[in-house]
């Protein structure tokens, strides 16, 4: 017999009606289940731009979720306010005995959930929460000494050893949908919440569960080539599922199971990327201070970053004079997305070439990325800046020109976002300042006029970066710094 007469399921970063841990457990444990989503003002009010693609993506995905639940005989109550208040109010309004939701390891979400939990407990309403966004979380994959891993490869090996088919099994929500209550409220318009439509539709990024399924099916046709194609931004090589993973319009179990069962180099490499995601989430859980701008390696917390005036703004505005960096930043500014290889390139350039504090870049990505995930964003930036767990060694510095020559050899990606370089020959498109002056004029691309001159000299800045880190890190003066081979 069900334990509860009525329960409420609180949807957050899990906008789907299938393979959903909290929804499944609520349906199993209650005779009636109300579903709810809250556009949380505590989150929305902190967003700097009313034209935020994430809000539009969520809005469309919530609308699809509501329709999907209605098709199952249920519905979705949509609130708009501070979630910590709205959920307690809805629980009282619908006279539920329990509230079910899935974990969110963001420290701000943890604080919100603790406040909701306490308020519900005061009203004798039970609270149940579950793992759903990752395959393994928190304390599930630890070292032999029962401590969290701080290096990826040993974590990955332990992750794979822990994995059994049980952890990839989908929650059979469909078997219990007769317990869904047909309770719905209208979806508020974007404008009514203070937001505006963006260019999301023009970008042809499909939203909701149907969008996630469409992209996943397309990627499965290409997954065998993932290992070879994933580093080339002009090639359709990656899955493009990051935003769907972020908002739970796809199931991580479904994706990991497909990769694990497929086999082959491409699928195994993609599975490693999904494991990286779990790794960064367990880092955030064990070290929530990294979310507050602290370096994982605390000895790097107070590095005296030079932050030369104007350099950060030039990076944000794609005015560095390095084509691959500028094209990547235009991609981010125009679409809210950046190819993963380019995220590493531009982060290395900001921190190692421009000597700008990594926290500034991390925050810029947090504001701009449609797939922004706190755990992965913090982990990636600290990796690039050599201050985090499993970090890129401080003496390894990406060369933006050789990265460009290697991963965009014909300049296809560069020209897509920097049309001012359209006529520059392949030989010079990675470093157009090397073009003879007469050729610049003939091609209509005068450096310093039609396209910026390089803001810094990479070779000079590499030396400065090495000196900066060497001076900041005690005990490493005797290290032999390898030559720049990139």
Protein backbone atom coordinates (compact mmCIF):
# COMPACT_ATOMS: atom_id res chain seq x y z
CA UNK A 1 0.00 0.00 0.00
CA UNK A 2 1.24 3.55 -0.72
CA UNK A 3 2.71 5.31 2.31
CA UNK A 4 1.18 8.70 1.50
CA UNK A 5 -2.26 9.85 0.40
CA UNK A 6 -0.84 12.69 -1.70
CA UNK A 7 2.64 13.86 -2.63
CA UNK A 8 4.16 16.75 -4.58
CA UNK A 9 7.06 16.36 -7.01
CA UNK A 10 9.21 19.47 -7.37
CA UNK A 11 10.86 19.62 -10.81
CA UNK A 12 14.08 21.66 -11.07
CA UNK A 13 17.01 20.69 -13.33
CA UNK A 14 15.18 17.50 -14.42
CA UNK A 15 12.60 18.66 -16.97
CA UNK A 16 11.37 15.30 -18.27
CA UNK A 17 8.57 12.87 -17.41
CA UNK A 18 10.53 9.65 -17.94
CA UNK A 19 13.41 7.95 -16.09
CA UNK A 20 13.00 10.48 -13.29
CA UNK A 21 14.02 9.36 -9.80
CA UNK A 22 11.85 11.67 -7.67
CA UNK A 23 8.78 11.25 -9.88
CA UNK A 24 9.11 7.46 -9.84
CA UNK A 25 9.48 7.26 -6.06
CA UNK A 26 6.57 9.65 -5.50
CA UNK A 27 4.33 7.59 -7.78
CA UNK A 28 5.34 4.44 -5.93
CA UNK A 29 4.79 5.89 -2.46
CA UNK A 30 1.65 8.05 -2.85
CA UNK A 31 -1.89 7.43 -4.11
CA UNK A 32 -2.01 10.87 -5.76
CA UNK A 33 0.88 12.93 -7.12
CA UNK A 34 0.91 16.65 -7.94
CA UNK A 35 3.76 17.90 -10.15
CA UNK A 36 5.15 21.43 -9.81
CA UNK A 37 7.82 23.71 -11.25
CA UNK A 38 8.74 27.16 -9.95
CA UNK A 39 10.41 29.92 -11.94
CA UNK A 40 12.59 30.86 -8.99
CA UNK A 41 12.94 34.63 -8.53
CA UNK A 42 15.97 34.10 -6.30
CA UNK A 43 17.74 32.78 -9.40
CA UNK A 44 16.09 34.91 -12.07
CA UNK A 45 16.61 38.23 -10.30
CA UNK A 46 20.38 37.66 -10.30
CA UNK A 47 20.60 37.29 -14.09
CA UNK A 48 22.18 40.39 -15.68
CA UNK A 49 20.41 40.26 -19.06
CA UNK A 50 16.63 39.99 -19.64
CA UNK A 51 17.41 38.36 -22.99
CA UNK A 52 18.79 35.19 -21.38
CA UNK A 53 18.73 32.12 -23.61
CA UNK A 54 18.66 29.80 -20.59
CA UNK A 55 15.38 31.24 -19.37
CA UNK A 56 13.87 30.87 -22.83
CA UNK A 57 15.16 27.29 -23.09
CA UNK A 58 13.72 26.43 -19.67
CA UNK A 59 10.43 28.16 -20.50
CA UNK A 60 9.98 26.12 -23.68
CA UNK A 61 11.04 22.91 -21.94
CA UNK A 62 8.65 23.44 -19.02
CA UNK A 63 5.84 23.99 -21.51
CA UNK A 64 6.64 20.69 -23.20
CA UNK A 65 6.89 18.91 -19.84
CA UNK A 66 3.46 20.21 -18.87
CA UNK A 67 1.96 18.91 -22.12
CA UNK A 68 3.67 15.53 -21.70
CA UNK A 69 2.35 15.13 -18.14
CA UNK A 70 -1.13 16.13 -19.30
CA UNK A 71 -0.97 13.48 -22.02
CA UNK A 72 -0.31 10.93 -19.24
CA UNK A 73 -3.39 12.09 -17.36
CA UNK A 74 -1.51 14.41 -15.03
CA UNK A 75 -0.44 18.03 -15.18
CA UNK A 76 2.09 20.60 -14.02
CA UNK A 77 1.48 23.46 -11.61
CA UNK A 78 3.79 26.31 -12.60
CA UNK A 79 4.75 28.90 -9.99
CA UNK A 80 6.66 32.17 -10.21
CA UNK A 81 8.28 33.48 -7.05
CA UNK A 82 10.91 32.49 -4.50
CA UNK A 83 10.97 28.69 -4.70
CA UNK A 84 11.71 28.31 -0.99
CA UNK A 85 8.35 29.98 -0.31
CA UNK A 86 6.35 28.71 -3.29
CA UNK A 87 6.99 25.02 -2.66
CA UNK A 88 5.92 25.30 0.98
CA UNK A 89 2.82 27.22 -0.12
CA UNK A 90 1.92 24.66 -2.79
CA UNK A 91 2.46 21.77 -0.39
CA UNK A 92 -0.02 23.39 2.01
CA UNK A 93 -2.47 24.34 -0.75
CA UNK A 94 -2.66 20.80 -2.11
CA UNK A 95 -2.53 19.27 1.38
CA UNK A 96 0.26 16.88 0.52
CA UNK A 97 1.90 14.52 2.98
CA UNK A 98 5.32 14.54 1.32
CA UNK A 99 7.47 16.45 -1.16
CA UNK A 100 9.86 14.67 -3.52
CA UNK A 101 12.73 16.22 -5.49
CA UNK A 102 16.12 15.38 -7.00
CA UNK A 103 19.51 16.53 -5.76
CA UNK A 104 21.25 19.71 -6.84
CA UNK A 105 24.82 20.06 -5.55
CA UNK A 106 25.10 23.81 -6.16
CA UNK A 107 25.74 25.29 -2.68
CA UNK A 108 23.03 27.94 -3.23
CA UNK A 109 20.58 25.17 -4.14
CA UNK A 110 21.67 23.23 -1.07
CA UNK A 111 20.86 26.22 1.13
CA UNK A 112 17.47 26.67 -0.57
CA UNK A 113 16.64 22.98 -0.24
CA UNK A 114 17.60 22.97 3.44
CA UNK A 115 15.29 25.93 4.07
CA UNK A 116 12.42 24.19 2.23
CA UNK A 117 13.10 20.95 4.09
CA UNK A 118 12.99 22.70 7.49
CA UNK A 119 9.79 24.59 6.64
CA UNK A 120 8.06 21.43 5.45
CA UNK A 121 9.18 19.40 8.44
CA UNK A 122 7.69 22.07 10.72
CA UNK A 123 4.36 21.39 9.02
CA UNK A 124 4.80 17.62 9.41
CA UNK A 125 5.29 17.19 5.68
CA UNK A 126 7.88 14.54 4.82
CA UNK A 127 10.74 15.29 2.43
CA UNK A 128 12.45 12.80 0.12
CA UNK A 129 15.28 13.56 -2.28
CA UNK A 130 17.25 11.44 -4.72
CA UNK A 131 20.23 11.19 -7.03
CA UNK A 132 19.20 11.85 -10.62
CA UNK A 133 21.53 14.25 -12.47
CA UNK A 134 24.63 12.00 -12.42
CA UNK A 135 25.41 8.29 -12.51
CA UNK A 136 27.48 8.38 -9.30
CA UNK A 137 27.42 11.19 -6.76
CA UNK A 138 28.77 12.38 -3.42
CA UNK A 139 30.11 9.40 -1.46
CA UNK A 140 29.52 6.66 -4.05
CA UNK A 141 32.98 6.59 -5.64
CA UNK A 142 35.78 7.11 -3.10
CA UNK A 143 39.42 6.12 -2.73
CA UNK A 144 40.38 3.01 -0.75
CA UNK A 145 40.92 5.40 2.16
CA UNK A 146 37.31 6.59 1.83
CA UNK A 147 38.35 10.06 0.73
CA UNK A 148 37.20 11.88 -2.44
CA UNK A 149 39.33 11.61 -5.56
CA UNK A 150 41.09 14.74 -6.73
CA UNK A 151 42.63 13.29 -9.91
CA UNK A 152 40.43 12.20 -12.79
CA UNK A 153 42.06 9.01 -14.10
CA UNK A 154 41.97 7.11 -10.77
CA UNK A 155 38.39 8.37 -10.32
CA UNK A 156 37.44 7.12 -13.77
CA UNK A 157 38.94 3.70 -13.08
CA UNK A 158 37.06 3.44 -9.78
CA UNK A 159 33.87 4.71 -11.47
CA UNK A 160 34.08 1.97 -14.10
CA UNK A 161 34.77 -0.69 -11.49
CA UNK A 162 31.73 0.44 -9.49
CA UNK A 163 29.43 0.44 -12.50
CA UNK A 164 26.90 -2.36 -12.91
CA UNK A 165 23.77 -2.51 -15.11
CA UNK A 166 21.72 -1.51 -12.06
CA UNK A 167 23.12 2.04 -12.07
CA UNK A 168 22.14 2.55 -15.72
CA UNK A 169 18.62 1.15 -15.40
CA UNK A 170 15.83 3.60 -16.15
CA UNK A 171 13.15 4.37 -13.56
CA UNK A 172 9.88 2.90 -14.97
CA UNK A 173 7.72 5.98 -14.48
CA UNK A 174 5.16 4.87 -17.07
CA UNK A 175 4.10 1.90 -14.95
CA UNK A 176 2.53 4.19 -12.33
CA UNK A 177 1.25 7.27 -14.19
CA UNK A 178 -2.36 6.55 -13.19
CA UNK A 179 -1.52 8.21 -9.87
CA UNK A 180 -0.76 11.57 -11.48
CA UNK A 181 -3.27 14.29 -10.60
CA UNK A 182 -4.58 16.40 -13.52
CA UNK A 183 -3.54 19.65 -11.84
CA UNK A 184 -2.12 22.41 -14.05
CA UNK A 185 -1.80 26.19 -14.00
CA UNK A 186 -1.00 28.42 -17.00
CA UNK A 187 2.61 28.88 -18.02
CA UNK A 188 3.55 32.53 -17.41
CA UNK A 189 4.77 34.41 -20.47
CA UNK A 190 8.45 35.34 -20.66
CA UNK A 191 7.52 39.02 -20.72
CA UNK A 192 5.40 38.66 -17.60
CA UNK A 193 8.48 37.39 -15.78
CA UNK A 194 10.61 40.29 -17.02
CA UNK A 195 12.43 38.41 -19.79
CA UNK A 196 12.58 38.78 -23.54
CA UNK A 197 12.83 36.38 -26.43
CA UNK A 198 16.33 35.74 -27.73
CA UNK A 199 17.73 34.32 -30.96
CA UNK A 200 17.26 30.78 -29.64
CA UNK A 201 14.91 29.82 -32.46
CA UNK A 202 17.28 31.16 -35.13
CA UNK A 203 20.08 29.08 -33.62
CA UNK A 204 17.98 25.98 -34.29
CA UNK A 205 18.72 24.56 -30.85
CA UNK A 206 15.82 22.19 -30.18
CA UNK A 207 14.35 22.48 -26.69
CA UNK A 208 12.64 20.10 -24.29
CA UNK A 209 12.58 16.33 -24.25
CA UNK A 210 11.85 16.09 -27.97
CA UNK A 211 14.85 18.31 -28.70
CA UNK A 212 17.12 16.22 -26.50
CA UNK A 213 15.90 13.00 -28.11
CA UNK A 214 16.44 14.46 -31.58
CA UNK A 215 20.03 15.50 -30.84
CA UNK A 216 20.80 12.19 -29.12
CA UNK A 217 19.50 10.15 -32.06
CA UNK A 218 21.56 12.27 -34.45
CA UNK A 219 24.69 11.84 -32.33
CA UNK A 220 24.31 8.06 -32.16
CA UNK A 221 24.75 8.01 -35.94
CA UNK A 222 28.10 9.82 -35.49
CA UNK A 223 29.38 8.44 -32.19
CA UNK A 224 31.96 6.15 -33.78
CA UNK A 225 33.73 9.24 -35.18
CA UNK A 226 33.58 11.18 -31.89
CA UNK A 227 37.19 10.42 -30.91
CA UNK A 228 38.54 11.81 -34.19
CA UNK A 229 36.09 14.70 -34.73
CA UNK A 230 35.44 16.15 -31.27
CA UNK A 231 38.33 18.65 -31.24
CA UNK A 232 37.50 20.38 -34.53
CA UNK A 233 34.99 23.23 -34.05
CA UNK A 234 34.15 23.50 -37.76
CA UNK A 235 33.13 19.82 -37.84
CA UNK A 236 29.89 18.33 -36.52
CA UNK A 237 31.75 16.13 -34.08
CA UNK A 238 30.26 16.60 -30.61
CA UNK A 239 26.84 15.66 -29.24
CA UNK A 240 25.51 19.20 -28.56
CA UNK A 241 23.64 17.68 -25.60
CA UNK A 242 25.27 19.75 -22.85
CA UNK A 243 22.31 22.11 -22.35
CA UNK A 244 19.93 19.14 -22.29
CA UNK A 245 22.05 17.45 -19.64
CA UNK A 246 22.15 20.70 -17.70
CA UNK A 247 18.36 20.99 -17.50
CA UNK A 248 17.57 17.29 -17.46
CA UNK A 249 15.61 17.12 -20.70
CA UNK A 250 17.62 13.94 -21.32
CA UNK A 251 18.49 11.19 -18.84
CA UNK A 252 22.14 10.74 -17.89
CA UNK A 253 21.44 7.03 -17.38
CA UNK A 254 20.11 6.69 -20.91
CA UNK A 255 23.15 8.47 -22.37
CA UNK A 256 25.73 6.60 -20.28
CA UNK A 257 24.05 3.26 -21.00
CA UNK A 258 24.14 3.92 -24.74
CA UNK A 259 27.84 4.83 -24.63
CA UNK A 260 28.74 1.91 -22.36
CA UNK A 261 26.85 -0.66 -24.42
CA UNK A 262 27.94 0.69 -27.79
CA UNK A 263 31.64 0.14 -27.23
CA UNK A 264 34.26 1.38 -29.67
CA UNK A 265 36.72 4.25 -29.28
CA UNK A 266 34.22 6.99 -29.99
CA UNK A 267 31.66 5.80 -27.46
CA UNK A 268 34.32 5.11 -24.84
CA UNK A 269 35.75 8.60 -25.26
CA UNK A 270 32.28 10.13 -24.94
CA UNK A 271 31.62 8.01 -21.84
CA UNK A 272 34.83 9.49 -20.38
CA UNK A 273 33.36 12.96 -20.91
CA UNK A 274 30.23 11.92 -19.00
CA UNK A 275 32.48 10.59 -16.22
CA UNK A 276 34.28 13.96 -16.13
CA UNK A 277 30.87 15.47 -15.44
CA UNK A 278 30.34 13.15 -12.47
CA UNK A 279 33.88 13.91 -11.28
CA UNK A 280 33.32 17.66 -11.18
CA UNK A 281 29.99 17.21 -9.42
CA UNK A 282 31.56 15.14 -6.65
CA UNK A 283 34.31 17.75 -6.34
CA UNK A 284 31.66 20.45 -5.86
CA UNK A 285 29.89 18.34 -3.24
CA UNK A 286 33.05 17.73 -1.20
CA UNK A 287 34.54 21.18 -1.78
CA UNK A 288 31.66 23.68 -1.98
CA UNK A 289 34.18 26.48 -1.41
CA UNK A 290 35.20 26.20 -5.09
CA UNK A 291 31.78 27.65 -5.93
CA UNK A 292 32.68 30.79 -3.99
CA UNK A 293 35.75 31.53 -6.10
CA UNK A 294 38.28 29.60 -4.06
CA UNK A 295 40.90 27.54 -5.86
CA UNK A 296 40.77 23.80 -5.23
CA UNK A 297 44.47 24.09 -4.46
CA UNK A 298 44.16 26.69 -1.74
CA UNK A 299 47.79 27.75 -2.06
CA UNK A 300 46.74 29.39 -5.34
CA UNK A 301 43.89 31.36 -3.80
CA UNK A 302 45.82 34.62 -3.49
CA UNK A 303 47.91 34.62 -6.65
CA UNK A 304 48.67 38.28 -7.48
CA UNK A 305 47.17 38.22 -10.98
CA UNK A 306 48.43 41.27 -12.93
CA UNK A 307 45.04 41.89 -14.63
CA UNK A 308 46.44 44.40 -17.15
CA UNK A 309 43.91 47.19 -17.85
CA UNK A 310 41.77 46.56 -20.91
CA UNK A 311 42.82 42.97 -21.46
CA UNK A 312 39.74 41.35 -19.97
CA UNK A 313 37.41 43.63 -21.94
CA UNK A 314 39.28 42.88 -25.17
CA UNK A 315 38.91 39.15 -24.49
CA UNK A 316 35.17 39.48 -23.76
CA UNK A 317 34.61 41.58 -26.87
CA UNK A 318 36.67 39.38 -29.23
CA UNK A 319 39.33 42.03 -29.82
CA UNK A 320 42.50 40.10 -28.92
CA UNK A 321 43.87 39.91 -32.47
CA UNK A 322 44.20 36.12 -32.23
CA UNK A 323 41.61 34.74 -34.69
CA UNK A 324 40.75 31.44 -33.00
CA UNK A 325 40.29 33.17 -29.63
CA UNK A 326 38.18 35.96 -31.13
CA UNK A 327 36.06 33.56 -33.21
CA UNK A 328 35.38 31.46 -30.12
CA UNK A 329 34.34 34.50 -28.12
CA UNK A 330 32.03 35.65 -30.91
CA UNK A 331 30.48 32.20 -30.97
CA UNK A 332 29.83 32.51 -27.22
CA UNK A 333 28.45 36.05 -27.44
CA UNK A 334 26.23 35.34 -30.44
CA UNK A 335 24.95 31.86 -29.54
CA UNK A 336 25.52 31.19 -25.83
CA UNK A 337 27.57 28.13 -26.79
CA UNK A 338 31.27 27.44 -27.20
CA UNK A 339 32.94 24.30 -28.49
CA UNK A 340 34.76 22.44 -25.69
CA UNK A 341 38.22 22.60 -27.29
CA UNK A 342 37.78 26.35 -27.66
CA UNK A 343 36.77 26.71 -24.00
CA UNK A 344 40.21 25.38 -23.11
CA UNK A 345 41.95 27.62 -25.65
CA UNK A 346 40.27 30.87 -24.57
CA UNK A 347 40.63 30.06 -20.86
CA UNK A 348 44.34 29.36 -21.29
CA UNK A 349 44.70 32.57 -23.31
CA UNK A 350 42.99 34.71 -20.68
CA UNK A 351 44.96 33.31 -17.76
CA UNK A 352 48.35 32.48 -19.29
CA UNK A 353 48.68 35.02 -22.14
CA UNK A 354 46.73 37.95 -20.69
CA UNK A 355 47.50 37.09 -17.03
CA UNK A 356 43.92 37.83 -15.98
CA UNK A 357 42.40 36.20 -12.91
CA UNK A 358 40.54 33.03 -13.91
CA UNK A 359 37.56 34.04 -11.73
CA UNK A 360 36.70 36.82 -14.17
CA UNK A 361 36.54 34.39 -17.06
CA UNK A 362 34.58 31.88 -15.01
CA UNK A 363 31.98 34.53 -14.20
CA UNK A 364 31.74 35.67 -17.82
CA UNK A 365 31.05 32.10 -18.91
CA UNK A 366 28.49 31.76 -16.11
CA UNK A 367 26.61 34.75 -17.49
CA UNK A 368 26.82 33.75 -21.16
CA UNK A 369 26.76 29.95 -21.49
CA UNK A 370 23.37 28.42 -22.15
CA UNK A 371 24.72 25.13 -20.78
CA UNK A 372 26.32 26.75 -17.73
CA UNK A 373 26.88 24.17 -15.03
CA UNK A 374 28.60 25.40 -11.87
CA UNK A 375 30.56 22.20 -11.24
CA UNK A 376 31.92 21.85 -14.77
CA UNK A 377 32.53 25.57 -15.28
CA UNK A 378 34.51 25.91 -12.05
CA UNK A 379 36.41 22.70 -12.74
CA UNK A 380 37.24 23.64 -16.32
CA UNK A 381 38.46 27.12 -15.50
CA UNK A 382 40.60 25.93 -12.62
CA UNK A 383 42.06 23.23 -14.86
CA UNK A 384 43.03 25.83 -17.47
CA UNK A 385 44.43 28.23 -14.87
CA UNK A 386 46.42 25.43 -13.20
CA UNK A 387 44.86 26.09 -9.79
CA UNK A 388 42.36 23.23 -9.53
CA UNK A 389 42.14 19.51 -9.05
CA UNK A 390 43.77 17.48 -11.80
CA UNK A 391 44.92 20.79 -13.28
CA UNK A 392 46.91 21.39 -16.42
CA UNK A 393 50.50 21.88 -15.11
CA UNK A 394 51.29 25.56 -14.79
CA UNK A 395 54.19 25.34 -17.24
CA UNK A 396 52.01 23.97 -20.06
CA UNK A 397 50.52 26.88 -21.97
CA UNK A 398 48.38 26.64 -25.10
CA UNK A 399 49.80 28.44 -28.10
CA UNK A 400 46.74 30.09 -29.71
CA UNK A 401 48.25 30.03 -33.20
CA UNK A 402 49.32 26.37 -33.23
CA UNK A 403 45.99 25.38 -31.63
CA UNK A 404 44.32 27.20 -34.51
CA UNK A 405 46.49 25.55 -37.15
CA UNK A 406 45.89 22.12 -35.65
CA UNK A 407 42.15 22.23 -34.96
CA UNK A 408 40.87 24.64 -37.63
CA UNK A 409 43.45 24.07 -40.36
CA UNK A 410 41.46 25.64 -43.21
CA UNK A 411 40.14 28.43 -41.00
CA UNK A 412 36.52 27.38 -41.60
CA UNK A 413 35.44 28.09 -38.04
CA UNK A 414 37.42 31.33 -37.91
CA UNK A 415 35.83 32.68 -41.09
CA UNK A 416 32.35 31.71 -39.91
CA UNK A 417 32.60 34.12 -36.99
CA UNK A 418 35.21 36.57 -38.33
CA UNK A 419 33.98 37.47 -41.83
CA UNK A 420 36.54 40.27 -41.92
CA UNK A 421 39.13 37.50 -42.45
CA UNK A 422 37.13 35.82 -45.23
CA UNK A 423 39.67 36.64 -47.96
CA UNK A 424 42.79 35.95 -45.93
CA UNK A 425 44.58 32.84 -47.29
CA UNK A 426 44.70 29.68 -45.17
CA UNK A 427 48.43 30.19 -44.66
CA UNK A 428 47.84 33.47 -42.82
CA UNK A 429 44.34 33.13 -41.35
CA UNK A 430 45.71 31.88 -38.03
CA UNK A 431 48.14 34.82 -37.71
CA UNK A 432 46.97 37.52 -40.14
CA UNK A 433 49.45 40.09 -38.81
CA UNK A 434 52.14 38.16 -40.72
CA UNK A 435 50.57 39.17 -44.03
CA UNK A 436 52.70 41.71 -45.93
CA UNK A 437 51.22 45.21 -45.78
CA UNK A 438 50.50 45.28 -49.50
CA UNK A 439 48.58 42.00 -49.24
CA UNK A 440 46.57 43.32 -46.30
CA UNK A 441 45.44 46.28 -48.38
CA UNK A 442 44.72 44.16 -51.44
CA UNK A 443 42.60 41.72 -49.42
CA UNK A 444 40.76 44.46 -47.51
CA UNK A 445 42.02 43.27 -44.14
CA UNK A 446 44.41 45.84 -42.74
CA UNK A 447 45.61 44.77 -39.33
CA UNK A 448 44.85 47.42 -36.72
CA UNK A 449 42.05 48.77 -38.89
CA UNK A 450 39.85 45.96 -40.24
CA UNK A 451 40.97 43.42 -37.65
CA UNK A 452 42.86 44.10 -34.39
CA UNK A 453 46.58 43.72 -34.06
CA UNK A 454 47.57 41.07 -31.46
CA UNK A 455 47.00 42.47 -28.00
CA UNK A 456 50.10 40.63 -26.75
CA UNK A 457 53.03 38.64 -28.13
CA UNK A 458 52.44 35.01 -27.17
CA UNK A 459 56.14 34.15 -26.85
CA UNK A 460 56.73 37.11 -24.54
CA UNK A 461 53.64 36.39 -22.47
CA UNK A 462 54.54 32.73 -22.14
CA UNK A 463 57.77 33.77 -20.47
CA UNK A 464 55.94 36.18 -18.20
CA UNK A 465 53.39 33.53 -17.25
CA UNK A 466 56.12 31.04 -16.40
CA UNK A 467 57.89 33.64 -14.26
CA UNK A 468 54.61 34.59 -12.58
CA UNK A 469 53.78 31.02 -11.59
CA UNK A 470 57.36 30.14 -10.69
CA UNK A 471 57.56 33.12 -8.34
CA UNK A 472 54.20 32.30 -6.81
CA UNK A 473 54.82 28.62 -6.14
CA UNK A 474 57.47 27.89 -3.55
CA UNK A 475 59.63 24.83 -3.94
CA UNK A 476 59.29 24.63 -7.72
CA UNK A 477 62.27 26.79 -8.69
CA UNK A 478 64.29 23.74 -9.69
CA UNK A 479 61.70 22.45 -12.18
CA UNK A 480 62.87 22.27 -15.76
CA UNK A 481 60.29 24.06 -17.90
CA UNK A 482 59.69 22.23 -21.20
CA UNK A 483 59.87 24.06 -24.50
CA UNK A 484 56.68 25.39 -26.08
CA UNK A 485 55.86 22.53 -28.47
CA UNK A 486 52.35 23.63 -29.33
